[in-house]
Protein backbone atom coordinates (compact mmCIF):
# COMPACT_ATOMS: atom_id res chain seq x y z
CA MET A 1 4.82 -30.13 14.62
CA ARG A 2 2.80 -27.04 12.55
CA THR A 3 3.19 -24.06 14.43
CA ASN A 4 2.10 -21.98 11.96
CA LYS A 5 -1.33 -22.18 10.34
CA MET A 6 -0.37 -20.98 6.65
CA CYS A 7 2.95 -19.72 4.70
CA ALA A 8 2.90 -18.05 1.75
CA LEU A 9 4.78 -17.67 -1.73
CA VAL A 10 4.73 -15.18 -4.21
CA GLY A 11 5.21 -15.66 -7.55
CA ASN A 12 6.95 -12.82 -9.67
CA LEU A 13 8.81 -14.83 -12.74
CA HIS A 14 6.40 -14.13 -16.11
CA ARG A 15 7.96 -11.02 -18.25
CA TYR A 16 4.84 -9.41 -20.09
CA ASP A 17 6.40 -7.88 -23.13
CA ASP A 18 3.36 -5.67 -23.67
CA LEU A 19 4.63 -4.09 -20.71
CA LEU A 20 7.85 -2.91 -22.12
CA PRO A 21 9.04 0.03 -21.40
CA LEU A 22 7.21 0.05 -18.02
CA THR A 23 9.48 -3.09 -17.48
CA ALA A 24 12.58 -3.01 -18.78
CA ASN A 25 14.15 -3.13 -15.26
CA ARG A 26 11.47 -3.65 -11.89
CA PRO A 27 9.42 -6.52 -12.62
CA LEU A 28 5.13 -6.51 -13.30
CA SER A 29 4.70 -6.63 -9.08
CA THR A 30 6.56 -3.22 -8.48
CA LEU A 31 4.96 -1.19 -10.89
CA PRO A 32 3.53 1.81 -9.10
CA PHE A 33 -0.56 1.57 -8.55
CA ASP A 34 -2.56 4.77 -8.36
CA GLY A 35 -0.30 7.15 -6.52
CA LYS A 36 1.47 5.80 -3.21
CA TYR A 37 1.14 2.80 -4.09
CA ARG A 38 2.79 -0.88 -5.76
CA LEU A 39 0.44 -4.24 -7.30
CA LEU A 40 3.59 -5.89 -4.83
CA ASP A 41 1.61 -4.40 -1.45
CA PHE A 42 -1.69 -5.82 -2.73
CA ASN A 43 -0.10 -9.44 -1.93
CA LEU A 44 1.69 -8.35 1.08
CA SER A 45 -1.61 -6.58 2.32
CA SER A 46 -3.63 -9.82 2.44
CA ILE A 47 -0.93 -11.91 3.80
CA ALA A 48 -0.25 -9.42 6.59
CA ASN A 49 -4.61 -9.28 7.37
CA ALA A 50 -4.24 -12.87 7.34
CA ASN A 51 -0.74 -12.96 10.42
CA ILE A 52 1.08 -15.63 7.94
CA LYS A 53 4.50 -15.52 9.12
CA SER A 54 6.39 -16.54 6.71
CA LEU A 55 6.94 -15.67 2.71
CA PHE A 56 8.82 -16.72 -0.05
CA MET A 57 9.30 -14.14 -2.99
CA VAL A 58 11.25 -15.09 -6.44
CA PHE A 59 12.27 -12.20 -8.45
CA ASN A 60 14.35 -12.88 -12.36
CA GLU A 61 17.55 -12.24 -11.68
CA GLY A 62 17.87 -8.39 -12.48
CA GLU A 63 14.51 -7.25 -11.41
CA THR A 64 15.45 -6.86 -7.95
CA GLN A 65 16.37 -3.33 -7.11
CA SER A 66 12.44 -1.68 -7.19
CA VAL A 67 11.92 -4.20 -4.91
CA PHE A 68 14.69 -4.06 -2.75
CA ASP A 69 13.60 -0.16 -2.92
CA HIS A 70 10.34 -0.64 -1.40
CA ILE A 71 10.16 -3.57 0.62
CA GLY A 72 13.14 -2.65 2.68
CA GLY A 73 12.75 -3.72 5.76
CA GLY A 74 9.00 -4.66 5.38
CA LYS A 75 8.06 -2.91 8.46
CA GLU A 76 4.81 -1.51 6.74
CA TRP A 77 3.15 -5.38 6.01
CA SER A 78 4.74 -6.62 9.44
CA LEU A 79 7.15 -8.42 8.23
CA ASP A 80 9.65 -7.25 10.67
CA GLY A 81 8.11 -9.05 12.88
CA ILE A 82 10.73 -11.23 16.20
CA GLN A 83 8.49 -14.72 14.53
CA ASN A 84 7.62 -13.33 11.09
CA ARG A 85 10.68 -14.26 8.56
CA PHE A 86 10.75 -12.95 4.52
CA PHE A 87 13.35 -14.55 2.01
CA ILE A 88 13.37 -13.13 -1.42
CA HIS A 89 14.77 -15.81 -3.87
CA ILE A 90 16.76 -14.16 -6.80
CA TYR A 91 15.99 -16.14 -9.61
CA GLN A 92 19.04 -17.07 -12.04
CA ASP A 93 18.00 -18.26 -15.75
CA PHE A 94 21.44 -19.78 -17.00
CA ILE A 95 21.93 -21.76 -13.35
CA ARG A 96 17.86 -22.86 -13.37
CA ARG A 97 18.64 -24.71 -16.94
CA ALA A 98 22.62 -25.92 -16.11
CA ASP A 99 21.10 -27.30 -13.42
CA ASN A 100 18.03 -28.48 -14.61
CA ASN A 101 16.04 -26.19 -12.00
CA SER A 102 17.59 -28.54 -9.13
CA SER A 103 18.72 -25.27 -7.03
CA TYR A 104 15.16 -23.82 -7.34
CA TYR A 105 13.27 -26.80 -5.22
CA ASP A 106 16.41 -27.66 -3.09
CA LEU A 107 15.55 -23.74 -2.01
CA VAL A 108 10.79 -24.04 -2.12
CA ILE A 109 11.33 -27.40 -0.57
CA ASP A 110 13.27 -26.24 2.36
CA TYR A 111 11.99 -23.57 2.68
CA LEU A 112 8.33 -25.78 3.21
CA LYS A 113 9.77 -27.37 5.21
CA LYS A 114 11.44 -24.66 7.39
CA SER A 115 8.21 -22.72 7.21
CA LYS A 116 6.38 -25.06 9.75
CA SER A 117 3.03 -24.30 8.38
CA GLU A 118 0.25 -27.14 7.64
CA TYR A 119 -1.24 -24.59 4.51
CA ALA A 120 0.86 -22.70 1.32
CA VAL A 121 -1.10 -20.03 -0.54
CA TYR A 122 0.85 -19.34 -3.33
CA MET A 123 0.08 -16.08 -5.75
CA GLY A 124 0.76 -14.75 -8.84
CA SER A 125 1.25 -11.15 -9.43
CA LYS A 126 -0.43 -10.02 -12.17
CA ILE A 127 -3.80 -10.60 -11.50
CA LEU A 128 -4.78 -7.14 -8.72
CA VAL A 129 -7.21 -8.46 -5.98
CA ASN A 130 -7.77 -7.36 -2.36
CA ILE A 131 -8.19 -11.08 -0.44
CA ASP A 132 -8.88 -11.92 3.08
CA LEU A 133 -7.19 -15.08 2.65
CA ARG A 134 -8.35 -16.45 6.23
CA ALA A 135 -11.37 -16.59 4.67
CA LEU A 136 -10.53 -18.72 1.79
CA LEU A 137 -8.21 -21.32 4.34
CA HIS A 138 -11.90 -21.51 6.27
CA ILE A 139 -13.20 -22.91 3.12
CA HIS A 140 -10.28 -24.86 1.74
CA GLN A 141 -10.38 -26.90 5.71
CA ALA A 142 -14.18 -26.72 5.37
CA HIS A 143 -14.49 -28.77 1.95
CA GLY A 144 -11.27 -30.78 2.94
CA ASN A 145 -9.64 -31.27 -0.92
CA GLU A 146 -6.90 -31.63 -1.96
CA MET A 147 -6.10 -27.75 -3.48
CA THR A 148 -8.73 -25.23 -3.92
CA VAL A 149 -8.51 -22.50 -6.14
CA VAL A 150 -9.56 -19.36 -6.36
CA TYR A 151 -12.10 -17.26 -9.31
CA LYS A 152 -13.43 -14.59 -10.56
CA ARG A 153 -16.66 -14.46 -12.93
CA VAL A 154 -15.18 -11.53 -15.22
CA PRO A 155 -16.47 -10.45 -18.73
CA LYS A 156 -14.73 -12.01 -21.60
CA ASP A 157 -12.40 -8.41 -22.50
CA LEU A 158 -10.12 -8.34 -19.94
CA LEU A 159 -9.08 -12.08 -20.48
CA TYR A 160 -5.19 -12.47 -20.78
CA LYS A 161 -4.28 -15.52 -24.20
CA GLU A 162 -2.23 -17.36 -21.24
CA ASP A 163 -4.73 -17.55 -18.25
CA ILE A 164 -6.57 -20.48 -17.35
CA ILE A 165 -10.84 -20.50 -17.54
CA ILE A 166 -12.87 -23.23 -15.39
CA LYS A 167 -15.58 -24.49 -15.41
CA LEU A 168 -17.59 -25.44 -12.92
CA GLY A 169 -19.67 -28.76 -11.71
CA GLU A 170 -21.70 -29.97 -8.66
CA ASP A 171 -20.48 -28.54 -5.54
CA ASN A 172 -18.28 -26.08 -6.72
CA LEU A 173 -15.68 -28.23 -8.10
CA ILE A 174 -13.74 -27.83 -11.43
CA GLU A 175 -15.55 -29.83 -14.38
CA LYS A 176 -13.16 -28.33 -16.43
CA LYS A 177 -9.72 -26.25 -17.18
CA ALA A 178 -8.48 -24.39 -20.51
CA LEU A 179 -6.01 -21.50 -21.54
CA VAL A 180 -8.23 -18.62 -22.56
CA LYS A 181 -6.17 -18.95 -26.38
CA ASN A 182 -7.18 -22.96 -27.25
CA ALA A 183 -10.96 -21.75 -25.13
CA GLU A 184 -14.91 -21.20 -27.43
CA VAL A 185 -14.66 -17.93 -24.89
CA GLN A 186 -18.37 -16.90 -23.56
CA ASP A 187 -18.83 -13.39 -22.26
CA VAL A 188 -18.58 -13.99 -19.16
CA ALA A 189 -15.89 -16.18 -18.03
CA ASN A 190 -14.77 -17.13 -14.08
CA LEU A 191 -11.02 -16.61 -14.61
CA CYS A 192 -8.11 -18.84 -12.62
CA THR A 193 -6.63 -15.97 -10.11
CA ASP A 194 -3.26 -17.88 -9.73
CA ILE A 195 -4.62 -18.07 -5.85
CA PHE A 196 -3.90 -21.79 -4.73
CA ILE A 197 -4.02 -22.88 -1.40
CA ILE A 198 -2.73 -26.79 -1.00
CA LYS A 199 -1.15 -28.39 2.60
CA THR A 200 2.38 -27.95 2.93
CA GLU A 201 3.21 -31.33 2.93
CA LYS A 202 1.57 -31.89 -0.64
CA LEU A 203 3.40 -29.36 -2.11
CA ILE A 204 6.68 -31.09 -0.77
CA GLU A 205 5.67 -33.73 -2.64
CA ILE A 206 4.69 -32.41 -5.88
CA LEU A 207 7.80 -30.75 -5.94
CA ARG A 208 9.80 -33.43 -5.31
CA GLU A 209 8.07 -35.59 -7.70
CA LYS A 210 9.22 -32.61 -10.35
CA GLN A 211 12.46 -32.36 -8.76
CA SER A 212 12.74 -36.93 -9.87
CA GLU A 213 11.57 -35.79 -13.07
CA ASN A 214 13.66 -32.97 -14.21
CA VAL A 215 11.18 -31.33 -15.14
CA LEU A 216 11.89 -27.13 -15.85
CA GLY A 217 8.75 -25.84 -13.75
CA ASN A 218 7.50 -23.92 -11.20
CA VAL A 219 5.13 -23.95 -7.83
CA GLU A 220 2.43 -21.50 -10.11
CA SER A 221 2.96 -24.37 -13.04
CA PHE A 222 2.62 -27.13 -11.05
CA LEU A 223 -0.74 -25.89 -9.07
CA ARG A 224 -1.57 -25.20 -12.71
CA GLU A 225 -1.05 -28.32 -14.07
CA ARG A 226 -2.11 -30.02 -10.61
CA ILE A 227 -6.20 -28.04 -11.51
CA SER A 228 -9.18 -31.70 -12.14
CA LYS A 229 -11.93 -32.12 -10.86
CA ASP A 230 -11.37 -32.82 -7.05
CA THR A 231 -10.29 -29.22 -6.84
CA TYR A 232 -12.40 -27.10 -4.91
CA ALA A 233 -13.12 -22.97 -6.30
CA TYR A 234 -13.76 -20.33 -4.53
CA GLU A 235 -15.78 -17.42 -5.83
CA TYR A 236 -13.56 -14.39 -5.33
CA THR A 237 -16.28 -10.90 -5.49
CA GLY A 238 -14.33 -8.17 -4.89
CA TYR A 239 -13.12 -5.47 -7.10
CA LEU A 240 -10.48 -7.72 -9.50
CA ASN A 241 -8.19 -6.24 -12.43
CA ASN A 242 -5.65 -8.65 -15.09
CA ILE A 243 -2.37 -6.24 -15.83
CA TYR A 244 -1.03 -7.87 -18.61
CA ASP A 245 -0.14 -5.15 -21.00
CA ILE A 246 0.08 -1.14 -21.54
CA PRO A 247 -4.13 -0.77 -21.63
CA SER A 248 -5.02 -2.98 -19.00
CA TYR A 249 -1.94 -1.68 -16.97
CA TYR A 250 -3.55 1.86 -17.53
CA LYS A 251 -7.00 0.95 -17.21
CA ALA A 252 -6.59 -0.59 -13.61
CA ASN A 253 -5.27 2.40 -12.71
CA MET A 254 -7.87 4.89 -14.22
CA ASP A 255 -10.95 2.25 -12.54
CA MET A 256 -9.49 4.45 -9.04
CA LEU A 257 -11.40 7.62 -10.18
CA ASP A 258 -14.35 5.51 -9.88
CA THR A 259 -14.66 6.45 -6.19
CA GLN A 260 -17.20 2.60 -6.28
CA LYS A 261 -14.05 0.81 -7.48
CA PHE A 262 -12.00 2.42 -5.38
CA ASN A 263 -13.52 2.23 -2.26
CA SER A 264 -14.38 -2.29 -3.12
CA LEU A 265 -10.28 -2.59 -3.92
CA LEU A 266 -8.66 0.36 -0.90
CA TYR A 267 -11.01 0.84 1.60
CA SER A 268 -12.60 -2.99 1.72
CA SER A 269 -12.50 -4.71 5.22
CA GLN A 270 -9.29 -5.52 4.76
CA LYS A 271 -6.45 -2.76 5.16
CA VAL A 272 -3.77 -1.66 2.26
CA TYR A 273 -0.04 -0.78 3.40
CA THR A 274 2.43 0.39 1.68
CA LYS A 275 6.30 2.07 1.95
CA LEU A 276 5.78 5.04 4.17
CA LYS A 277 7.54 8.38 3.32
CA ASN A 278 7.10 11.35 6.32
CA GLU A 279 6.80 14.23 3.12
CA VAL A 280 5.31 17.26 3.17
CA PRO A 281 1.05 17.62 1.70
CA THR A 282 0.52 17.87 -1.68
CA TYR A 283 0.57 21.92 -2.45
CA TYR A 284 -2.40 23.91 -4.81
CA SER A 285 -1.34 27.60 -6.09
CA GLU A 286 -3.98 29.73 -6.56
CA THR A 287 -3.76 28.83 -10.46
CA SER A 288 -4.69 25.41 -9.96
CA VAL A 289 -7.28 23.39 -11.62
CA VAL A 290 -8.02 20.50 -10.55
CA ASN A 291 -10.91 18.03 -11.03
CA ASN A 292 -11.42 13.76 -11.09
CA SER A 293 -7.36 13.58 -10.06
CA GLN A 294 -5.52 11.97 -7.41
CA PHE A 295 -2.30 13.24 -5.78
CA SER A 296 0.84 11.98 -3.91
CA THR A 297 2.58 13.75 -1.28
CA GLY A 298 5.12 16.03 -2.20
CA CYS A 299 3.67 18.14 -5.45
CA MET A 300 3.32 21.36 -6.78
CA ILE A 301 0.73 21.85 -8.85
CA GLU A 302 -0.07 25.03 -9.94
CA GLY A 303 -1.78 23.58 -13.45
CA ASN A 304 -4.65 22.16 -14.27
CA VAL A 305 -5.26 18.27 -13.85
CA GLU A 306 -8.49 16.43 -15.00
CA ASP A 307 -8.75 12.66 -14.67
CA SER A 308 -5.21 11.97 -13.68
CA ILE A 309 -3.33 10.39 -10.83
CA ILE A 310 -0.31 11.86 -9.61
CA GLY A 311 2.72 10.20 -8.20
CA ARG A 312 5.05 12.20 -5.44
CA GLY A 313 7.01 14.48 -5.47
CA SER A 314 5.55 15.67 -9.15
CA ASP A 315 5.74 19.40 -10.37
CA ILE A 316 2.95 20.64 -12.60
CA ALA A 317 3.87 24.42 -13.41
CA GLU A 318 0.97 27.43 -14.27
CA GLY A 319 -0.67 26.85 -17.65
CA ALA A 320 0.69 23.20 -17.98
CA LYS A 321 -2.55 20.51 -18.50
CA VAL A 322 -3.00 17.09 -17.73
CA SER A 323 -5.60 15.00 -18.69
CA GLY A 324 -6.43 11.52 -18.59
CA SER A 325 -2.83 10.43 -17.34
CA LEU A 326 -0.91 8.26 -15.04
CA ILE A 327 1.63 10.19 -13.25
CA PHE A 328 4.78 8.16 -12.24
CA PRO A 329 6.74 10.37 -9.03
CA SER A 330 8.99 13.14 -9.12
CA ASN A 331 7.75 14.72 -12.86
CA THR A 332 8.71 17.78 -13.90
CA ILE A 333 5.71 19.04 -16.55
CA LYS A 334 6.98 22.96 -16.87
CA ALA A 335 4.48 25.48 -18.03
CA ASN A 336 1.89 25.07 -20.81
CA ALA A 337 3.37 22.21 -21.56
CA GLU A 338 0.09 18.96 -22.64
CA VAL A 339 0.52 15.92 -21.28
CA SER A 340 -2.68 13.94 -22.32
CA TYR A 341 -3.75 10.51 -22.04
CA ALA A 342 -0.31 9.23 -20.98
CA ILE A 343 1.82 7.27 -18.95
CA LEU A 344 5.35 9.09 -17.50
CA ASP A 345 7.47 6.74 -16.07
CA LYS A 346 9.58 8.31 -12.42
CA ASN A 347 12.32 11.03 -13.59
CA ILE A 348 10.68 12.66 -16.50
CA VAL A 349 10.95 16.43 -16.94
CA VAL A 350 8.40 18.32 -19.99
CA GLU A 351 9.81 21.26 -21.36
CA GLU A 352 7.62 24.22 -21.35
CA GLY A 353 4.75 23.95 -24.56
CA VAL A 354 5.96 20.60 -24.90
CA LYS A 355 2.60 18.44 -25.98
CA ILE A 356 2.51 14.70 -24.79
CA VAL A 357 -1.02 13.62 -26.93
CA GLY A 358 -2.24 9.85 -26.76
CA THR A 359 -5.56 8.07 -26.81
CA PRO A 360 -7.63 5.87 -23.59
CA GLU A 361 -7.23 2.91 -25.75
CA LYS A 362 -3.86 4.05 -27.04
CA PRO A 363 -2.04 6.18 -24.08
CA VAL A 364 1.59 6.88 -24.49
CA VAL A 365 4.72 5.66 -22.97
CA VAL A 366 7.81 7.82 -21.46
CA LYS A 367 10.35 6.00 -20.71
CA LYS A 368 11.73 6.50 -17.19
CA GLY A 369 14.47 9.90 -17.27
CA THR A 370 13.17 11.26 -20.44
CA HIS A 371 13.57 14.89 -21.33
CA VAL A 372 11.01 15.66 -23.17
CA THR A 373 11.88 19.13 -25.74
CA ALA A 374 9.40 17.57 -28.25
CA ASP A 375 5.99 17.07 -29.14
CA ILE A 376 4.67 13.55 -28.97
CA ILE A 377 1.72 12.78 -30.14
CA GLY A 378 0.51 8.73 -30.48
CA GLY A 379 -2.77 6.73 -30.06
């Protein structure tokens, strides 16, 4: 007997080379966002808000340290309850190829069966949304189609070449789908968010079918393939961003300096949870000058900061200038240094008087742990 309405699967297998070096040792989903959050927080929060008690996540081998560091026991997302279960599978490419993906199929099918859920929700990792999954379930049940996919109308410049865009027919059923790279895209398009809901038994049936055919693939690719004229399209109307390269990642973060977009994503009826840290508040000295910026806890601000987002535990010394930049946690920017239109990964020291200067269209990215002793002029 099914005892849980929904289980959830979160995919993190895609690698986006245009996000390097930020994703050299971490998946896209654990990239910092708006100072204190990680992108993964939004999927986990949607799952927690829908009271989904069973979760399965897949990550590539070599990218899991930041996942375990961030999630820990899962308390912040109620993953540590007696009735809750979450699984993290490490996807090893050489094993997958050696056994024709059999181990992947066995693991996912076993999880789905043990979840005892009537419906399975799948969420990808590069689309940033704060979605009400209970509403999605209700819509799916009301229309009774085999599968429901979530979409949003977005401007053309928000699309990635491998995204799917859809054309809607009568009653919001999908008339046509196409990859962006193969389509003639209008100024505004219906973007498939790679969020799907389907009956668990049907998903198991699809996986068994693919397994019997020795198909190398994953849940996301099979659900994308399954989009048809019988698939219902559910429109998401909240804030959305599509993160697949450095400019899109930078822009998504900078969007949070816009009060309307910030409130739309973070202060809707859907609460967003993240890892808690007991730290002192940020300290602003008398010499600090701050305009249109956000700061996480534990920072020491003595210099000038404008149009920037500053991660936990960062120090900006007197005379230093930071503008239009995204500063990850635990950075030190020494006196009279200048950081403009840049992304500084964790644990970076910028020496006195050094300049790091990019442009809004092409921000300079500094690798984790770098000691910057000479000017970096990019853009």
